[in-house]
Protein backbone atom coordinates (compact mmCIF):
# COMPACT_ATOMS: atom_id res chain seq x y z
CA MET A 1 0.00 0.00 0.00
CA THR A 2 1.18 3.54 -0.79
CA ASP A 3 0.36 7.09 0.24
CA PRO A 4 -0.02 6.64 3.99
CA LEU A 5 -2.63 8.67 5.83
CA TRP A 6 -2.51 10.17 9.30
CA ALA A 7 -5.87 10.62 11.05
CA VAL A 8 -6.47 12.84 14.09
CA LEU A 9 -9.55 11.77 16.02
CA PRO A 10 -11.38 12.63 19.24
CA GLY A 11 -10.04 10.56 22.12
CA ASP A 12 -13.42 8.93 22.76
CA ILE A 13 -13.97 7.62 19.23
CA ASP A 14 -14.30 4.00 20.36
CA ASP A 15 -15.91 4.63 23.75
CA PRO A 16 -19.16 2.61 23.85
CA ALA A 17 -20.50 4.99 26.49
CA ALA A 18 -20.18 7.94 24.10
CA PRO A 19 -21.74 6.84 20.80
CA SER A 20 -22.25 9.48 18.13
CA GLY A 21 -22.77 9.66 14.42
CA GLY A 22 -19.43 11.43 14.04
CA ASN A 23 -17.54 8.72 15.88
CA THR A 24 -19.29 6.00 13.90
CA TYR A 25 -18.50 7.76 10.63
CA ASP A 26 -14.83 8.20 11.55
CA ARG A 27 -14.40 4.58 12.54
CA ARG A 28 -16.15 3.17 9.48
CA VAL A 29 -14.24 5.25 6.93
CA LEU A 30 -10.88 4.68 8.61
CA THR A 31 -11.52 0.95 8.66
CA GLY A 32 -12.27 1.15 4.95
CA LEU A 33 -9.29 3.35 4.15
CA ALA A 34 -6.99 0.95 6.03
CA THR A 35 -7.74 -1.70 3.40
CA ILE A 36 -6.21 0.43 0.64
CA ARG A 37 -3.41 2.35 2.41
CA THR A 38 -1.58 2.53 5.69
CA VAL A 39 -3.49 4.59 8.25
CA HIS A 40 -1.81 6.01 11.35
CA GLU A 41 -4.33 7.07 13.99
CA ILE A 42 -3.72 9.83 16.52
CA ALA A 43 -6.18 10.08 19.39
CA ALA A 44 -6.43 13.71 20.48
CA ALA A 45 -6.81 13.57 24.22
CA GLY A 46 -8.58 16.51 25.80
CA ARG A 47 -11.84 18.32 26.15
CA TRP A 48 -12.85 19.16 22.60
CA PRO A 49 -14.09 21.61 21.38
CA TYR A 50 -12.94 23.37 24.56
CA PRO A 51 -9.28 22.35 24.71
CA SER A 52 -6.88 23.42 27.42
CA ALA A 53 -3.46 24.80 26.59
CA ASP A 54 -2.04 21.35 27.32
CA ASP A 55 -4.53 19.75 24.90
CA GLU A 56 -3.48 22.11 22.12
CA ALA A 57 0.20 21.57 22.90
CA GLY A 58 -0.33 17.82 22.68
CA LEU A 59 -2.01 18.18 19.29
CA ALA A 60 0.82 20.41 18.03
CA ARG A 61 3.43 17.83 19.14
CA ALA A 62 1.55 15.05 17.38
CA LEU A 63 1.41 16.99 14.13
CA ARG A 64 5.11 17.90 14.32
CA ALA A 65 5.94 14.19 14.44
CA ILE A 66 4.28 13.59 11.05
CA PRO A 67 6.62 13.66 8.02
CA ASP A 68 6.65 16.74 5.78
CA GLY A 69 4.20 16.60 2.90
CA ALA A 70 2.00 13.91 4.51
CA THR A 71 -1.77 13.90 4.17
CA VAL A 72 -3.62 14.31 7.47
CA LEU A 73 -7.36 13.86 8.00
CA LEU A 74 -8.60 15.72 11.08
CA ASP A 75 -11.99 15.40 12.72
CA GLY A 76 -13.53 18.87 12.81
CA LEU A 77 -14.37 18.63 16.50
CA VAL A 78 -10.63 18.68 17.20
CA ALA A 79 -9.23 20.74 14.32
CA CYS A 80 -11.80 23.53 14.30
CA ALA A 81 -11.22 24.28 17.97
CA ALA A 82 -7.44 24.69 17.54
CA PRO A 83 -6.80 27.13 14.68
CA ASP A 84 -3.39 28.22 15.98
CA VAL A 85 -2.16 24.63 15.74
CA ILE A 86 -3.72 24.05 12.32
CA GLU A 87 -2.36 27.28 10.85
CA GLY A 88 1.09 26.39 12.12
CA ALA A 89 1.01 22.93 10.56
CA ALA A 90 -0.55 23.86 7.21
CA ALA A 91 2.72 25.03 5.66
CA ARG A 92 4.24 21.55 5.65
CA LEU A 93 1.31 19.09 5.85
CA ARG A 94 -1.66 18.54 3.57
CA LEU A 95 -4.53 18.97 6.02
CA ALA A 96 -8.10 17.84 5.33
CA VAL A 97 -10.77 18.69 7.88
CA LEU A 98 -13.91 16.57 8.16
CA VAL A 99 -16.75 18.64 9.61
CA HIS A 100 -19.58 16.60 11.11
CA LEU A 101 -21.33 19.63 12.58
CA PRO A 102 -20.37 23.32 12.62
CA LEU A 103 -19.12 24.06 16.12
CA GLY A 104 -21.58 26.90 16.62
CA ASP A 105 -24.61 24.71 15.87
CA GLU A 106 -24.63 22.96 19.23
CA LEU A 107 -26.96 25.04 21.37
CA GLY A 108 -25.08 26.69 24.19
CA ALA A 109 -21.77 26.57 22.32
CA ALA A 110 -19.23 29.22 23.26
CA PRO A 111 -19.54 32.29 21.00
CA GLU A 112 -15.89 32.21 19.96
CA LEU A 113 -16.14 28.75 18.35
CA PRO A 114 -17.38 29.89 14.89
CA ALA A 115 -14.43 32.27 14.54
CA ARG A 116 -12.01 29.50 15.47
CA GLU A 117 -13.65 27.19 12.96
CA ARG A 118 -13.44 29.81 10.22
CA ARG A 119 -9.68 30.19 10.70
CA THR A 120 -9.16 26.44 10.65
CA LEU A 121 -11.18 25.87 7.49
CA HIS A 122 -9.41 28.68 5.64
CA ALA A 123 -6.05 27.17 6.60
CA ALA A 124 -6.98 23.61 5.55
CA HIS A 125 -6.09 22.25 2.12
CA ALA A 126 -9.43 20.44 1.89
CA VAL A 127 -12.73 20.59 3.78
CA VAL A 128 -15.19 17.71 3.76
CA ALA A 129 -18.84 17.76 4.88
CA THR A 130 -21.30 14.90 5.23
CA SER A 131 -24.04 16.31 2.99
CA ALA A 132 -24.41 18.80 0.17
CA GLY A 133 -26.60 20.98 2.37
CA ALA A 134 -23.95 21.05 5.06
CA ALA A 135 -21.23 21.82 2.52
CA ARG A 136 -23.08 24.79 1.10
CA ARG A 137 -23.81 26.06 4.60
CA LEU A 138 -20.14 25.87 5.58
CA GLU A 139 -19.23 27.81 2.45
CA SER A 140 -21.77 30.50 3.28
CA LEU A 141 -21.00 30.57 7.00
CA HIS A 142 -17.24 30.92 6.56
CA ASP A 143 -16.92 32.69 3.20
CA LEU A 144 -15.36 29.70 1.47
CA PRO A 145 -15.50 29.71 -2.35
CA ALA A 146 -18.68 28.12 -3.69
CA GLY A 147 -18.26 24.47 -4.56
CA THR A 148 -14.96 24.01 -2.70
CA VAL A 149 -16.26 22.00 0.27
CA HIS A 150 -16.28 18.33 -0.67
CA VAL A 151 -19.11 15.94 0.20
CA ALA A 152 -18.79 12.36 1.44
CA LEU A 153 -22.22 11.11 2.44
CA PRO A 154 -22.39 8.57 5.27
CA GLY A 155 -23.10 4.97 4.39
CA VAL A 156 -25.44 2.51 6.04
CA ASP A 157 -25.37 -1.24 6.57
CA PRO A 158 -28.08 -3.53 5.15
CA ALA A 159 -30.59 -4.56 7.81
CA PRO A 160 -33.65 -6.79 8.11
CA GLU A 161 -36.96 -5.18 7.26
CA ALA A 162 -39.08 -4.12 10.21
CA VAL A 163 -42.58 -5.61 10.17
CA GLY A 164 -44.50 -2.64 11.53
CA SER A 165 -47.87 -2.60 13.27
CA ALA A 166 -51.23 -2.08 11.61
CA THR A 167 -51.88 1.20 13.42
CA GLY A 168 -48.36 2.63 13.13
CA ASN A 169 -48.49 3.73 16.75
CA ARG A 170 -44.96 2.73 17.80
CA LEU A 171 -42.81 5.86 17.47
CA LEU A 172 -39.03 5.91 17.85
CA CYS A 173 -36.53 8.74 18.38
CA VAL A 174 -32.82 7.86 18.33
CA ALA A 175 -30.66 10.75 19.54
CA SER A 176 -28.84 11.95 22.63
CA LEU A 177 -31.15 13.97 24.84
CA THR A 178 -29.84 17.46 24.04
CA PRO A 179 -31.32 20.83 23.05
CA ARG A 180 -30.13 20.47 19.44
CA LYS A 181 -31.95 17.17 19.07
CA ALA A 182 -35.08 18.94 20.42
CA GLN A 183 -36.85 16.11 22.18
CA ASN A 184 -38.65 18.89 24.08
CA VAL A 185 -40.44 19.78 20.83
CA LEU A 186 -41.38 16.13 20.31
CA VAL A 187 -42.71 15.77 23.86
CA GLU A 188 -44.86 18.90 23.55
CA ALA A 189 -46.24 17.69 20.21
CA LEU A 190 -47.11 14.32 21.72
CA ARG A 191 -48.87 15.96 24.65
CA SER A 192 -51.45 17.28 22.17
CA LEU A 193 -52.16 13.75 20.93
CA ASP A 194 -53.49 12.29 24.17
CA ASP A 195 -56.71 11.29 22.39
CA LEU A 196 -54.79 8.88 20.13
CA ASP A 197 -53.14 5.53 20.77
CA TRP A 198 -49.33 5.72 20.59
CA THR A 199 -46.09 5.02 22.44
CA CYS A 200 -42.75 6.68 21.86
CA GLU A 201 -39.37 5.16 22.67
CA CYS A 202 -36.45 7.58 23.02
CA VAL A 203 -33.05 5.95 22.64
CA GLY A 204 -29.92 7.96 23.38
CA ALA A 205 -27.65 9.26 26.12
CA LEU A 206 -29.48 10.91 29.02
CA ASP A 207 -26.48 12.58 30.63
CA ALA A 208 -25.12 14.86 27.89
CA VAL A 209 -27.11 17.88 29.14
CA PRO A 210 -28.64 16.73 32.46
CA ALA A 211 -30.75 19.83 33.15
CA PHE A 212 -32.36 19.64 29.71
CA ALA A 213 -32.94 15.90 30.06
CA ASP A 214 -34.62 16.40 33.43
CA ARG A 215 -36.97 19.03 32.01
CA VAL A 216 -37.94 16.90 29.03
CA ARG A 217 -38.55 13.79 31.11
CA ALA A 218 -40.65 15.74 33.60
CA ARG A 219 -42.99 16.82 30.78
CA ALA A 220 -43.10 13.54 28.90
CA GLY A 221 -45.69 11.37 30.60
CA ASP A 222 -45.64 7.59 30.88
CA ARG A 223 -46.17 6.85 27.18
CA VAL A 224 -42.73 8.26 26.33
CA ARG A 225 -40.04 5.83 27.44
CA PHE A 226 -36.44 6.92 27.79
CA ARG A 227 -34.12 3.95 27.25
CA GLY A 228 -30.72 5.63 27.48
CA THR A 229 -27.81 4.60 25.27
CA ARG A 230 -28.37 1.43 23.27
CA ALA A 231 -26.12 -0.42 20.85
CA GLY A 232 -25.88 -3.81 19.21
CA ALA A 233 -28.81 -6.18 19.74
CA ALA A 234 -30.65 -3.75 22.02
CA LEU A 235 -30.63 -1.01 19.38
CA GLU A 236 -31.62 -3.51 16.70
CA ALA A 237 -34.60 -4.48 18.84
CA SER A 238 -35.68 -0.84 19.10
CA TYR A 239 -35.62 -0.45 15.33
CA ALA A 240 -37.34 -3.80 14.77
CA ASP A 241 -40.25 -2.71 16.96
CA ALA A 242 -40.68 0.75 15.40
CA ASP A 243 -43.27 2.03 12.94
CA LEU A 244 -41.96 5.57 12.43
CA LEU A 245 -38.66 7.28 13.23
CA VAL A 246 -39.10 10.85 14.45
CA LEU A 247 -36.08 13.18 14.36
CA PRO A 248 -37.04 16.70 15.57
CA SER A 249 -33.51 18.18 15.43
CA LEU A 250 -32.90 21.92 15.18
CA ALA A 251 -29.68 21.28 13.21
CA GLU A 252 -28.46 18.10 11.53
CA THR A 253 -25.80 17.88 8.84
CA TYR A 254 -27.11 14.48 7.73
CA GLY A 255 -28.78 12.31 10.36
CA MET A 256 -27.37 8.79 10.12
CA VAL A 257 -30.29 7.40 12.13
CA VAL A 258 -32.49 8.39 9.18
CA THR A 259 -30.82 5.95 6.82
CA GLU A 260 -30.54 3.35 9.59
CA ALA A 261 -34.34 3.46 9.82
CA LEU A 262 -34.81 3.46 6.05
CA ALA A 263 -32.50 0.44 5.75
CA ARG A 264 -35.21 -1.39 7.72
CA GLY A 265 -38.07 0.05 5.67
CA ILE A 266 -39.14 2.40 8.48
CA PRO A 267 -40.45 5.81 7.31
CA VAL A 268 -39.00 8.99 8.80
CA LEU A 269 -40.58 12.21 10.02
CA GLY A 270 -37.77 14.76 10.28
CA THR A 271 -37.10 18.48 10.15
CA GLN A 272 -36.24 20.68 7.19
CA VAL A 273 -32.61 21.29 8.21
CA GLU A 274 -29.34 20.93 6.28
CA GLY A 275 -28.83 17.28 5.34
CA VAL A 276 -32.00 15.59 6.61
CA PRO A 277 -33.86 15.91 3.28
CA GLU A 278 -30.84 14.32 1.55
CA ALA A 279 -30.78 11.47 4.04
CA ILE A 280 -34.51 10.80 3.61
CA GLY A 281 -34.14 10.99 -0.15
CA GLN A 282 -36.57 9.38 -2.55
CA ALA A 283 -37.61 5.92 -3.66
CA PRO A 284 -36.76 5.01 -7.28
CA ASP A 285 -40.20 6.22 -8.40
CA GLY A 286 -39.64 9.64 -6.83
CA THR A 287 -41.88 9.17 -3.80
CA VAL A 288 -40.61 10.37 -0.41
CA PRO A 289 -40.39 7.82 2.43
CA GLY A 290 -41.69 10.17 5.11
CA GLY A 291 -42.18 13.84 5.78
CA LEU A 292 -40.47 17.06 6.85
CA VAL A 293 -41.61 19.81 9.21
CA PRO A 294 -40.03 23.14 10.19
CA PRO A 295 -37.55 22.83 13.08
CA GLY A 296 -38.79 23.89 16.49
CA ASP A 297 -42.44 23.98 15.36
CA VAL A 298 -44.52 22.03 17.89
CA GLU A 299 -47.79 22.53 16.04
CA SER A 300 -46.44 21.34 12.67
CA LEU A 301 -44.89 18.27 14.23
CA ALA A 302 -48.09 17.45 16.11
CA THR A 303 -50.13 17.83 12.92
CA ALA A 304 -47.80 15.54 10.98
CA LEU A 305 -47.87 12.91 13.74
CA ARG A 306 -51.67 13.06 13.90
CA ARG A 307 -51.87 12.46 10.15
CA TRP A 308 -49.52 9.49 10.45
CA LEU A 309 -51.56 7.97 13.28
CA THR A 310 -54.99 8.50 11.68
CA ASP A 311 -54.47 8.26 7.91
CA ASP A 312 -54.21 4.67 6.69
CA GLU A 313 -53.38 5.75 3.14
CA LEU A 314 -50.55 8.02 4.27
CA ARG A 315 -49.02 5.22 6.34
CA ARG A 316 -49.26 2.85 3.40
CA ASP A 317 -47.63 5.35 1.02
CA TRP A 318 -44.78 6.22 3.37
CA ARG A 319 -44.09 2.56 4.15
CA THR A 320 -44.11 1.59 0.47
CA ALA A 321 -41.65 4.37 -0.32
CA ALA A 322 -39.42 3.46 2.66
CA ARG A 323 -39.22 -0.16 1.58
CA ALA A 324 -38.37 0.90 -1.96
CA ARG A 325 -35.74 3.34 -0.66
CA ARG A 326 -33.87 0.46 0.99
CA GLY A 327 -32.54 -0.59 -2.40
CA ASN A 328 -30.80 2.68 -3.29
CA LEU A 329 -29.09 3.50 0.00
CA ARG A 330 -25.32 3.97 -0.14
CA GLY A 331 -22.94 1.60 1.61
CA TRP A 332 -19.83 2.60 3.55
CA ASP A 333 -17.63 1.44 0.69
CA GLU A 334 -18.90 4.38 -1.37
CA THR A 335 -18.20 6.79 1.49
CA THR A 336 -14.66 5.42 1.75
CA ARG A 337 -14.12 5.73 -2.00
CA ARG A 338 -15.30 9.33 -2.06
CA LEU A 339 -13.16 10.34 0.90
CA SER A 340 -10.14 8.59 -0.61
CA GLU A 341 -10.60 10.66 -3.79
CA VAL A 342 -10.49 13.86 -1.73
CA LEU A 343 -7.50 12.82 0.35
CA HIS A 344 -5.41 11.43 -2.49
CA PRO A 345 -6.57 13.07 -5.75
């Protein structure tokens, strides 16, 4: 194998207690890239995107140890928070930054993070986003030339088709309980549907923003069940039992849980933000396997959920489209190929 690659990753990439779409993406593409070239991984220890001086010094030392002219792929969570380090290394290394989510999009993020990210992305030799919508937003947000941010869409693994119930009343939300994922909007929408038969299972970390999680759970009622982090067979069981995936996020560069649901033939009700429409996509006949509502809009979400729960024809159409969509989902091999083209043109 030729053209080795160095990859700088968050220190918790393989921590089962801290699952995230970004970590999953990083691990899957690096595993794929390792089959075609040598990959050297560097785990960036520290509190990213709020590094200490010691964290930044450690990152700078790691980059100095890489040979001149080498290609380095950096996770945006690390790179975008350390522009001084990136600017210093850009003169002798070919740096590519993979942005899973703009740093300023996490609600409550420190106000200086967008400026740090801008400096990093202008210093990088290549910038990669996980959807076309996210790429165009990065270009607009940081005054990058139009069309210069590359796109490498996440892949998804084949999965068994979910059977689904006749009434469609088993709702699923897979996301850490955080303000950006907006489970508070989902809970308020569901509170207006007390006259209908439904249950909602929320799968995802409960300790990322404890105060927010406590508020949401206090409002939820006993038909919303919070399962915490799930992986492996437990997560598979949640998908297998679901009729509709609901993703009420306020910002989402792609939404890998969307294609995980579609891989099982489960329709998706999401929000009209960045990459979610791309992830939902279309069946081969052009039909959409679900619906989209404005982010943060309780009334619109409640209306869409009521239609799903009461309209047999709508459920049939969405399910038919979701099952057809299974056949044109991208695998991780295509993600790896696209990223390899960016890293080693």
